[in-house]
C-alpha atoms as a PDB file:
ATOM      1  CA  MET A   1      51.133 -27.775  11.735  1.00  0.00           C
ATOM      2  CA  PHE A   2      48.249 -29.414   9.863  1.00  0.00           C
ATOM      3  CA  ASP A   3      47.637 -33.087  10.461  1.00  0.00           C
ATOM      4  CA  LEU A   4      45.250 -34.946   8.191  1.00  0.00           C
ATOM      5  CA  LYS A   5      44.312 -37.554  10.707  1.00  0.00           C
ATOM      6  CA  GLU A   6      43.566 -34.824  13.324  1.00  0.00           C
ATOM      7  CA  ILE A   7      41.528 -32.842  10.761  1.00  0.00           C
ATOM      8  CA  LEU A   8      39.519 -35.898   9.819  1.00  0.00           C
ATOM      9  CA  SER A   9      38.962 -36.832  13.386  1.00  0.00           C
ATOM     10  CA  VAL A  10      37.844 -33.285  14.373  1.00  0.00           C
ATOM     11  CA  THR A  11      35.540 -33.086  11.249  1.00  0.00           C
ATOM     12  CA  LEU A  12      33.837 -36.353  12.087  1.00  0.00           C
ATOM     13  CA  ILE A  13      33.375 -35.507  15.763  1.00  0.00           C
ATOM     14  CA  LEU A  14      31.889 -32.105  15.076  1.00  0.00           C
ATOM     15  CA  PHE A  15      29.727 -33.540  12.242  1.00  0.00           C
ATOM     16  CA  SER A  16      28.241 -36.124  14.733  1.00  0.00           C
ATOM     17  CA  VAL A  17      27.682 -33.326  17.476  1.00  0.00           C
ATOM     18  CA  ILE A  18      26.260 -30.771  15.060  1.00  0.00           C
ATOM     19  CA  ASP A  19      23.942 -33.386  13.465  1.00  0.00           C
ATOM     20  CA  ILE A  20      23.028 -31.105  10.511  1.00  0.00           C
ATOM     21  CA  LEU A  21      21.256 -34.173   8.781  1.00  0.00           C
ATOM     22  CA  GLY A  22      19.097 -34.835  11.899  1.00  0.00           C
ATOM     23  CA  SER A  23      18.236 -31.067  11.960  1.00  0.00           C
ATOM     24  CA  ILE A  24      16.604 -31.211   8.516  1.00  0.00           C
ATOM     25  CA  PRO A  25      13.071 -31.484   9.967  1.00  0.00           C
ATOM     26  CA  ILE A  26      13.641 -28.625  12.370  1.00  0.00           C
ATOM     27  CA  VAL A  27      14.992 -26.425   9.529  1.00  0.00           C
ATOM     28  CA  ILE A  28      12.024 -27.319   7.274  1.00  0.00           C
ATOM     29  CA  ASN A  29       9.570 -26.687  10.103  1.00  0.00           C
ATOM     30  CA  LEU A  30      11.196 -23.187  10.716  1.00  0.00           C
ATOM     31  CA  ARG A  31      11.128 -22.357   7.078  1.00  0.00           C
ATOM     32  CA  LYS A  32       7.538 -23.091   6.934  1.00  0.00           C
ATOM     33  CA  LYS A  33       6.909 -20.591   9.774  1.00  0.00           C
ATOM     34  CA  VAL A  34       8.925 -17.782   8.470  1.00  0.00           C
ATOM     35  CA  GLY A  35       8.923 -18.436   4.771  1.00  0.00           C
ATOM     36  CA  HIS A  36      12.607 -18.522   4.031  1.00  0.00           C
ATOM     37  CA  ILE A  37      15.953 -19.461   5.715  1.00  0.00           C
ATOM     38  CA  GLN A  38      19.037 -17.575   4.792  1.00  0.00           C
ATOM     39  CA  SER A  39      21.473 -20.506   4.537  1.00  0.00           C
ATOM     40  CA  GLY A  40      24.584 -18.297   4.007  1.00  0.00           C
ATOM     41  CA  LYS A  41      23.785 -16.034   6.886  1.00  0.00           C
ATOM     42  CA  ALA A  42      23.135 -19.057   9.333  1.00  0.00           C
ATOM     43  CA  THR A  43      26.349 -20.827   8.195  1.00  0.00           C
ATOM     44  CA  ILE A  44      28.438 -17.601   8.613  1.00  0.00           C
ATOM     45  CA  VAL A  45      27.005 -16.766  12.016  1.00  0.00           C
ATOM     46  CA  ALA A  46      27.507 -20.433  13.192  1.00  0.00           C
ATOM     47  CA  GLY A  47      31.027 -20.288  11.933  1.00  0.00           C
ATOM     48  CA  ILE A  48      31.845 -17.011  13.650  1.00  0.00           C
ATOM     49  CA  LEU A  49      30.458 -18.435  16.906  1.00  0.00           C
ATOM     50  CA  MET A  50      32.467 -21.658  16.638  1.00  0.00           C
ATOM     51  CA  VAL A  51      35.780 -19.954  15.631  1.00  0.00           C
ATOM     52  CA  THR A  52      35.237 -17.297  18.412  1.00  0.00           C
ATOM     53  CA  PHE A  53      34.627 -20.177  20.884  1.00  0.00           C
ATOM     54  CA  LEU A  54      37.696 -21.958  19.650  1.00  0.00           C
ATOM     55  CA  LEU A  55      39.767 -18.940  20.324  1.00  0.00           C
ATOM     56  CA  VAL A  56      38.265 -17.310  23.507  1.00  0.00           C
ATOM     57  CA  GLY A  57      35.375 -19.466  24.619  1.00  0.00           C
ATOM     58  CA  LYS A  58      36.431 -20.344  27.980  1.00  0.00           C
ATOM     59  CA  SER A  59      37.558 -16.770  28.805  1.00  0.00           C
ATOM     60  CA  ILE A  60      34.105 -15.437  27.608  1.00  0.00           C
ATOM     61  CA  LEU A  61      32.240 -17.884  29.889  1.00  0.00           C
ATOM     62  CA  SER A  62      34.580 -17.182  32.903  1.00  0.00           C
ATOM     63  CA  LEU A  63      34.037 -13.423  32.386  1.00  0.00           C
ATOM     64  CA  PHE A  64      30.314 -13.966  33.252  1.00  0.00           C
ATOM     65  CA  GLY A  65      31.134 -16.410  35.938  1.00  0.00           C
ATOM     66  CA  ILE A  66      29.764 -19.282  33.829  1.00  0.00           C
ATOM     67  CA  ASP A  67      31.455 -22.627  33.563  1.00  0.00           C
ATOM     68  CA  VAL A  68      31.116 -24.953  30.751  1.00  0.00           C
ATOM     69  CA  GLU A  69      28.612 -27.218  32.500  1.00  0.00           C
ATOM     70  CA  ASP A  70      26.272 -24.184  33.045  1.00  0.00           C
ATOM     71  CA  PHE A  71      26.538 -23.349  29.421  1.00  0.00           C
ATOM     72  CA  ALA A  72      25.690 -26.833  28.317  1.00  0.00           C
ATOM     73  CA  ILE A  73      22.707 -27.044  30.674  1.00  0.00           C
ATOM     74  CA  ALA A  74      21.234 -23.775  29.108  1.00  0.00           C
ATOM     75  CA  GLY A  75      21.804 -25.191  25.680  1.00  0.00           C
ATOM     76  CA  ALA A  76      20.038 -28.442  26.830  1.00  0.00           C
ATOM     77  CA  LEU A  77      17.031 -26.597  27.953  1.00  0.00           C
ATOM     78  CA  ILE A  78      16.714 -24.986  24.422  1.00  0.00           C
ATOM     79  CA  ILE A  79      17.231 -28.399  22.611  1.00  0.00           C
ATOM     80  CA  PHE A  80      14.623 -30.012  25.006  1.00  0.00           C
ATOM     81  CA  VAL A  81      11.940 -27.431  23.930  1.00  0.00           C
ATOM     82  CA  ILE A  82      12.631 -27.747  20.354  1.00  0.00           C
ATOM     83  CA  GLY A  83      12.464 -31.687  20.675  1.00  0.00           C
ATOM     84  CA  ALA A  84       9.133 -31.401  22.620  1.00  0.00           C
ATOM     85  CA  GLU A  85       7.687 -29.169  19.952  1.00  0.00           C
ATOM     86  CA  MET A  86       8.681 -31.738  17.292  1.00  0.00           C
ATOM     87  CA  ILE A  87       7.140 -34.649  19.004  1.00  0.00           C
ATOM     88  CA  LEU A  88       3.969 -33.148  20.394  1.00  0.00           C
ATOM     89  CA  GLY A  89       3.243 -30.946  17.441  1.00  0.00           C
ATOM     90  CA  ILE A  90       2.951 -27.848  19.629  1.00  0.00           C
ATOM     91  CA  GLU A  91       4.586 -24.450  19.332  1.00  0.00           C
ATOM     92  CA  ILE A  92       6.560 -23.400  22.432  1.00  0.00           C
ATOM     93  CA  PHE A  93       9.228 -21.496  20.554  1.00  0.00           C
ATOM     94  CA  LYS A  94       6.848 -18.776  19.266  1.00  0.00           C
ATOM     95  CA  THR A  95       7.768 -16.999  16.000  1.00  0.00           C
ATOM     96  CA  ASP A  96       7.455 -13.265  16.229  1.00  0.00           C
ATOM     97  CA  PRO A  97       5.174 -12.266  13.426  1.00  0.00           C
ATOM     98  CA  GLU A  98       7.476  -9.351  12.790  1.00  0.00           C
ATOM     99  CA  ALA A  99      10.618 -11.702  12.759  1.00  0.00           C
ATOM    100  CA  SER A 100      12.334 -11.787   9.564  1.00  0.00           C
ATOM    101  CA  SER A 101      14.008 -14.715   7.875  1.00  0.00           C
ATOM    102  CA  THR A 102      17.356 -13.156   8.991  1.00  0.00           C
ATOM    103  CA  SER A 103      16.511 -13.423  12.738  1.00  0.00           C
ATOM    104  CA  THR A 104      15.231 -16.956  12.276  1.00  0.00           C
ATOM    105  CA  SER A 105      18.423 -17.874  10.408  1.00  0.00           C
ATOM    106  CA  ILE A 106      20.417 -16.767  13.413  1.00  0.00           C
ATOM    107  CA  VAL A 107      18.181 -17.867  16.266  1.00  0.00           C
ATOM    108  CA  PRO A 108      17.475 -20.832  16.562  1.00  0.00           C
ATOM    109  CA  ILE A 109      19.413 -22.149  13.388  1.00  0.00           C
ATOM    110  CA  ALA A 110      22.854 -20.710  13.747  1.00  0.00           C
ATOM    111  CA  PHE A 111      22.535 -20.809  17.504  1.00  0.00           C
ATOM    112  CA  PRO A 112      21.697 -23.243  19.123  1.00  0.00           C
ATOM    113  CA  LEU A 113      20.863 -25.657  16.366  1.00  0.00           C
ATOM    114  CA  ILE A 114      24.266 -25.543  14.694  1.00  0.00           C
ATOM    115  CA  ALA A 115      26.602 -23.777  17.073  1.00  0.00           C
ATOM    116  CA  GLY A 116      24.836 -24.866  20.279  1.00  0.00           C
ATOM    117  CA  ALA A 117      26.083 -25.720  23.659  1.00  0.00           C
ATOM    118  CA  GLY A 118      26.990 -29.346  22.588  1.00  0.00           C
ATOM    119  CA  THR A 119      29.089 -27.982  19.607  1.00  0.00           C
ATOM    120  CA  LEU A 120      30.848 -25.179  21.480  1.00  0.00           C
ATOM    121  CA  THR A 121      31.503 -27.345  24.560  1.00  0.00           C
ATOM    122  CA  THR A 122      32.891 -29.988  22.068  1.00  0.00           C
ATOM    123  CA  ILE A 123      35.198 -27.390  20.599  1.00  0.00           C
ATOM    124  CA  LEU A 124      36.510 -26.510  23.999  1.00  0.00           C
ATOM    125  CA  THR A 125      37.113 -30.195  24.709  1.00  0.00           C
ATOM    126  CA  LEU A 126      38.788 -30.824  21.376  1.00  0.00           C
ATOM    127  CA  LYS A 127      41.410 -28.206  22.214  1.00  0.00           C
ATOM    128  CA  ALA A 128      42.810 -30.625  24.924  1.00  0.00           C
ATOM    129  CA  GLU A 129      43.448 -33.275  22.262  1.00  0.00           C
ATOM    130  CA  PHE A 130      43.955 -31.581  18.853  1.00  0.00           C
ATOM    131  CA  GLY A 131      45.896 -28.660  17.468  1.00  0.00           C
ATOM    132  CA  GLN A 132      43.937 -25.389  17.180  1.00  0.00           C
ATOM    133  CA  ALA A 133      44.578 -25.138  13.356  1.00  0.00           C
ATOM    134  CA  ASN A 134      43.393 -28.627  12.754  1.00  0.00           C
ATOM    135  CA  ILE A 135      40.147 -27.847  14.765  1.00  0.00           C
ATOM    136  CA  ALA A 136      39.701 -24.622  12.626  1.00  0.00           C
ATOM    137  CA  VAL A 137      39.943 -26.682   9.421  1.00  0.00           C
ATOM    138  CA  GLY A 138      37.362 -29.216  10.877  1.00  0.00           C
ATOM    139  CA  ILE A 139      35.083 -26.331  11.616  1.00  0.00           C
ATOM    140  CA  ILE A 140      35.383 -24.868   8.130  1.00  0.00           C
ATOM    141  CA  LEU A 141      34.827 -28.388   6.503  1.00  0.00           C
ATOM    142  CA  ASN A 142      31.659 -28.802   8.665  1.00  0.00           C
ATOM    143  CA  LEU A 143      30.396 -25.285   7.654  1.00  0.00           C
ATOM    144  CA  GLY A 144      30.606 -26.274   4.000  1.00  0.00           C
ATOM    145  CA  ILE A 145      28.465 -29.307   4.726  1.00  0.00           C
ATOM    146  CA  ILE A 146      26.075 -27.402   6.758  1.00  0.00           C
ATOM    147  CA  TYR A 147      25.623 -24.804   3.949  1.00  0.00           C
ATOM    148  CA  VAL A 148      24.888 -27.562   1.397  1.00  0.00           C
ATOM    149  CA  VAL A 149      22.379 -29.165   3.634  1.00  0.00           C
ATOM    150  CA  LEU A 150      20.675 -25.970   4.422  1.00  0.00           C
ATOM    151  CA  LYS A 151      20.442 -25.120   0.759  1.00  0.00           C
ATOM    152  CA  SER A 152      19.069 -28.531  -0.054  1.00  0.00           C
ATOM    153  CA  THR A 153      16.170 -28.555   2.429  1.00  0.00           C
ATOM    154  CA  HIS A 154      13.509 -27.630  -0.034  1.00  0.00           C
ATOM    155  CA  PHE A 155      14.643 -30.337  -2.350  1.00  0.00           C
ATOM    156  CA  LEU A 156      14.807 -32.905   0.506  1.00  0.00           C
ATOM    157  CA  GLU A 157      11.273 -31.801   1.647  1.00  0.00           C
ATOM    158  CA  GLN A 158       9.879 -32.552  -1.886  1.00  0.00           C
ATOM    159  CA  LYS A 159      11.651 -36.006  -2.001  1.00  0.00           C
ATOM    160  CA  LEU A 160      10.471 -37.048   1.566  1.00  0.00           C
ATOM    161  CA  GLY A 161       6.913 -35.884   1.266  1.00  0.00           C
ATOM    162  CA  LYS A 162       4.629 -34.716   4.113  1.00  0.00           C
ATOM    163  CA  THR A 163       4.489 -38.215   5.721  1.00  0.00           C
ATOM    164  CA  GLY A 164       8.235 -38.824   5.508  1.00  0.00           C
ATOM    165  CA  LEU A 165       8.886 -35.423   7.136  1.00  0.00           C
ATOM    166  CA  ASP A 166       6.448 -35.986   9.848  1.00  0.00           C
ATOM    167  CA  ILE A 167       8.083 -39.299  10.694  1.00  0.00           C
ATOM    168  CA  LEU A 168      11.506 -37.808  10.583  1.00  0.00           C
ATOM    169  CA  ARG A 169      10.416 -34.938  12.766  1.00  0.00           C
ATOM    170  CA  ARG A 170       9.065 -37.051  15.362  1.00  0.00           C
ATOM    171  CA  ILE A 171      11.969 -39.456  15.370  1.00  0.00           C
ATOM    172  CA  PHE A 172      14.501 -36.571  15.629  1.00  0.00           C
ATOM    173  CA  GLY A 173      12.350 -34.891  18.322  1.00  0.00           C
ATOM    174  CA  ILE A 174      12.878 -38.000  20.428  1.00  0.00           C
ATOM    175  CA  ILE A 175      16.653 -37.945  19.590  1.00  0.00           C
ATOM    176  CA  LEU A 176      16.893 -34.137  20.486  1.00  0.00           C
ATOM    177  CA  LEU A 177      15.072 -34.963  23.853  1.00  0.00           C
ATOM    178  CA  SER A 178      17.604 -37.757  24.531  1.00  0.00           C
ATOM    179  CA  ILE A 179      20.509 -35.472  23.810  1.00  0.00           C
ATOM    180  CA  ALA A 180      19.039 -32.871  26.091  1.00  0.00           C
ATOM    181  CA  ILE A 181      18.616 -35.319  28.824  1.00  0.00           C
ATOM    182  CA  LYS A 182      22.109 -36.694  28.376  1.00  0.00           C
ATOM    183  CA  ILE A 183      23.645 -33.150  28.560  1.00  0.00           C
ATOM    184  CA  PHE A 184      21.473 -32.439  31.805  1.00  0.00           C
ATOM    185  CA  LYS A 185      22.677 -35.762  33.341  1.00  0.00           C
ATOM    186  CA  THR A 186      26.392 -35.241  32.409  1.00  0.00           C
ATOM    187  CA  ASN A 187      26.453 -31.691  33.597  1.00  0.00           C
ATOM    188  CA  LEU A 188      24.292 -31.938  36.718  1.00  0.00           C
ATOM    189  CA  PHE A 189      25.670 -35.104  37.947  1.00  0.00           C
ATOM    190  CA  PRO A 190      29.352 -35.277  36.897  1.00  0.00           C
ATOM    191  CA  LEU A 191      31.250 -38.342  37.846  1.00  0.00           C
END
């Protein structure tokens, strides 16, 4: 039932797609806006989304008449906006003054940053190649990594400093824009 090679492959694929290390500047920026990020809540919500998508994702999308490509494009729009904010130093994703750290921990951190269209689409794709139990273990391992990184953002912010974070934020902003454009191209103009 469990295959170590499959678990390792799934874990690495999801780790690359989730890119929690690349999201550090975004998380720090959001924490500055709202004061605190609830790492546990963000991790649990992202985990629930990923496992739910593993089990019934395609059915949920088809219930609304949405295919995986439509879902990916919607997620790409959000990723594009976050990337533009990071590069241009503007605020498009307005923070509700009454929003709590709980709501920010869920949107945009749990979804779409961690369990976004790319991650959820990847989970659906992995089902064609790997066993469901192995994918579930890969998700759980990634959730552990995500939690540790989210808990460590304050420490990382202190170590990198303002200039280091600004450089990282802009670099990862460009990467997010590139990911968004790739998702657009892949799903608007499939081969």
